[in-house]
C-alpha atoms as a PDB file:
ATOM      1  CA  UNK A   1     117.632 103.755 108.472  1.00  0.00           C
ATOM      2  CA  UNK A   2     116.209 103.511 105.322  1.00  0.00           C
ATOM      3  CA  UNK A   3     118.356 103.437 102.464  1.00  0.00           C
ATOM      4  CA  UNK A   4     117.304 103.579  98.503  1.00  0.00           C
ATOM      5  CA  UNK A   5     116.115  99.930  98.177  1.00  0.00           C
ATOM      6  CA  UNK A   6     114.209  99.651 101.034  1.00  0.00           C
ATOM      7  CA  UNK A   7     112.039 101.967 100.226  1.00  0.00           C
ATOM      8  CA  UNK A   8     108.650 102.800  96.905  1.00  0.00           C
ATOM      9  CA  UNK A   9     107.591 106.184  95.925  1.00  0.00           C
ATOM     10  CA  UNK A  10     104.222 105.600  94.807  1.00  0.00           C
ATOM     11  CA  UNK A  11     102.016 108.343  93.400  1.00  0.00           C
ATOM     12  CA  UNK A  12      97.880 108.599  93.138  1.00  0.00           C
ATOM     13  CA  UNK A  13      96.055 111.117  90.509  1.00  0.00           C
ATOM     14  CA  UNK A  14      92.839 111.807  89.338  1.00  0.00           C
ATOM     15  CA  UNK A  15      93.212 111.075  85.737  1.00  0.00           C
ATOM     16  CA  UNK A  16      91.944 114.229  83.023  1.00  0.00           C
ATOM     17  CA  UNK A  17      90.201 112.491  80.540  1.00  0.00           C
ATOM     18  CA  UNK A  18      85.523 113.048  80.722  1.00  0.00           C
ATOM     19  CA  UNK A  19      86.281 109.509  83.757  1.00  0.00           C
ATOM     20  CA  UNK A  20      88.346 110.962  86.074  1.00  0.00           C
ATOM     21  CA  UNK A  21      89.090 107.971  87.455  1.00  0.00           C
ATOM     22  CA  UNK A  22      92.259 107.545  90.203  1.00  0.00           C
ATOM     23  CA  UNK A  23      95.342 105.581  89.598  1.00  0.00           C
ATOM     24  CA  UNK A  24      97.821 104.757  91.585  1.00  0.00           C
ATOM     25  CA  UNK A  25     101.443 104.151  90.360  1.00  0.00           C
ATOM     26  CA  UNK A  26     104.415 102.552  91.690  1.00  0.00           C
ATOM     27  CA  UNK A  27     107.590 104.473  90.004  1.00  0.00           C
ATOM     28  CA  UNK A  28     109.987 102.663  92.190  1.00  0.00           C
ATOM     29  CA  UNK A  29     108.930  99.301  90.520  1.00  0.00           C
ATOM     30  CA  UNK A  30     108.752 100.911  86.825  1.00  0.00           C
ATOM     31  CA  UNK A  31     111.464  99.706  84.433  1.00  0.00           C
ATOM     32  CA  UNK A  32     113.113 102.753  81.759  1.00  0.00           C
ATOM     33  CA  UNK A  33     110.523 101.612  79.351  1.00  0.00           C
ATOM     34  CA  UNK A  34     107.507 102.012  81.632  1.00  0.00           C
ATOM     35  CA  UNK A  35     108.777 104.858  83.597  1.00  0.00           C
ATOM     36  CA  UNK A  36     108.124 107.447  81.326  1.00  0.00           C
ATOM     37  CA  UNK A  37     104.816 106.062  80.107  1.00  0.00           C
ATOM     38  CA  UNK A  38     103.575 106.278  83.915  1.00  0.00           C
ATOM     39  CA  UNK A  39     105.485 109.472  84.350  1.00  0.00           C
ATOM     40  CA  UNK A  40     103.617 111.284  81.739  1.00  0.00           C
ATOM     41  CA  UNK A  41      99.658 110.011  82.250  1.00  0.00           C
ATOM     42  CA  UNK A  42     100.363 110.901  85.983  1.00  0.00           C
ATOM     43  CA  UNK A  43     101.921 114.637  85.169  1.00  0.00           C
ATOM     44  CA  UNK A  44      98.566 114.578  82.666  1.00  0.00           C
ATOM     45  CA  UNK A  45      96.545 113.849  85.636  1.00  0.00           C
ATOM     46  CA  UNK A  46      95.462 115.640  89.319  1.00  0.00           C
ATOM     47  CA  UNK A  47      98.102 114.398  91.685  1.00  0.00           C
ATOM     48  CA  UNK A  48      96.237 113.503  95.248  1.00  0.00           C
ATOM     49  CA  UNK A  49      98.819 112.399  96.961  1.00  0.00           C
ATOM     50  CA  UNK A  50     102.480 110.855  96.646  1.00  0.00           C
ATOM     51  CA  UNK A  51     105.132 109.332  99.392  1.00  0.00           C
ATOM     52  CA  UNK A  52     106.876 106.465 100.180  1.00  0.00           C
ATOM     53  CA  UNK A  53     106.037 102.825 101.628  1.00  0.00           C
ATOM     54  CA  UNK A  54     108.373 101.099 102.967  1.00  0.00           C
ATOM     55  CA  UNK A  55     110.135  97.796 100.806  1.00  0.00           C
ATOM     56  CA  UNK A  56     109.594  95.112 103.826  1.00  0.00           C
ATOM     57  CA  UNK A  57     105.584  95.303 103.103  1.00  0.00           C
ATOM     58  CA  UNK A  58     104.939  96.240  99.794  1.00  0.00           C
ATOM     59  CA  UNK A  59     102.262  93.772  99.810  1.00  0.00           C
ATOM     60  CA  UNK A  60     100.552  94.849 102.219  1.00  0.00           C
ATOM     61  CA  UNK A  61     100.829  98.705 101.933  1.00  0.00           C
ATOM     62  CA  UNK A  62     100.253  98.132  97.708  1.00  0.00           C
ATOM     63  CA  UNK A  63      96.549  96.671  99.299  1.00  0.00           C
ATOM     64  CA  UNK A  64      95.634  98.981 101.316  1.00  0.00           C
ATOM     65  CA  UNK A  65      96.779 101.598  98.600  1.00  0.00           C
ATOM     66  CA  UNK A  66      94.755 100.106  95.893  1.00  0.00           C
ATOM     67  CA  UNK A  67      91.531  99.918  98.922  1.00  0.00           C
ATOM     68  CA  UNK A  68      91.941 103.133  98.821  1.00  0.00           C
ATOM     69  CA  UNK A  69      91.903 104.294  94.962  1.00  0.00           C
ATOM     70  CA  UNK A  70      89.045 101.799  94.557  1.00  0.00           C
ATOM     71  CA  UNK A  71      86.926 104.265  96.913  1.00  0.00           C
ATOM     72  CA  UNK A  72      88.025 106.982  95.613  1.00  0.00           C
ATOM     73  CA  UNK A  73      86.586 106.123  92.037  1.00  0.00           C
ATOM     74  CA  UNK A  74      83.648 104.895  93.983  1.00  0.00           C
ATOM     75  CA  UNK A  75      83.354 109.294  94.214  1.00  0.00           C
ATOM     76  CA  UNK A  76      83.716 108.481  98.111  1.00  0.00           C
ATOM     77  CA  UNK A  77      85.140 111.676  99.743  1.00  0.00           C
ATOM     78  CA  UNK A  78      88.638 111.292 101.242  1.00  0.00           C
ATOM     79  CA  UNK A  79      91.191 112.714 102.550  1.00  0.00           C
ATOM     80  CA  UNK A  80      94.611 111.793 102.359  1.00  0.00           C
ATOM     81  CA  UNK A  81      95.125 112.162 105.670  1.00  0.00           C
ATOM     82  CA  UNK A  82      92.907 109.222 106.099  1.00  0.00           C
ATOM     83  CA  UNK A  83      94.861 107.369 104.009  1.00  0.00           C
ATOM     84  CA  UNK A  84      98.745 108.232 106.336  1.00  0.00           C
ATOM     85  CA  UNK A  85      95.946 106.538 109.234  1.00  0.00           C
ATOM     86  CA  UNK A  86      95.948 103.829 107.369  1.00  0.00           C
ATOM     87  CA  UNK A  87      99.697 103.119 106.486  1.00  0.00           C
ATOM     88  CA  UNK A  88     101.013 104.434 109.445  1.00  0.00           C
ATOM     89  CA  UNK A  89     102.984 101.240 109.345  1.00  0.00           C
ATOM     90  CA  UNK A  90     104.006 101.299 105.999  1.00  0.00           C
ATOM     91  CA  UNK A  91     105.350 104.655 105.003  1.00  0.00           C
ATOM     92  CA  UNK A  92     108.640 105.283 105.234  1.00  0.00           C
ATOM     93  CA  UNK A  93     110.170 108.383 105.587  1.00  0.00           C
ATOM     94  CA  UNK A  94     111.884 110.512 103.000  1.00  0.00           C
END
């Protein structure tokens, strides 16, 4: 069973500016000042996907997510199912 502290909430979104770059934000890792700014940025962009990763292996999961975001920013046509597959052992239940 996962407790709230055992997982990290993340979101991948595409910014609404001309560059339209993809970004990831780890909400659970933010402090209060960062949270407001990052939430506003994500809300201004287009949601791509979100979920929870296990806190136990979050650094490994963050590397997978960072590589996925980099591929999106290289205009590779990726689907959310591909990220879910890559994160299969790292996702925490909602």
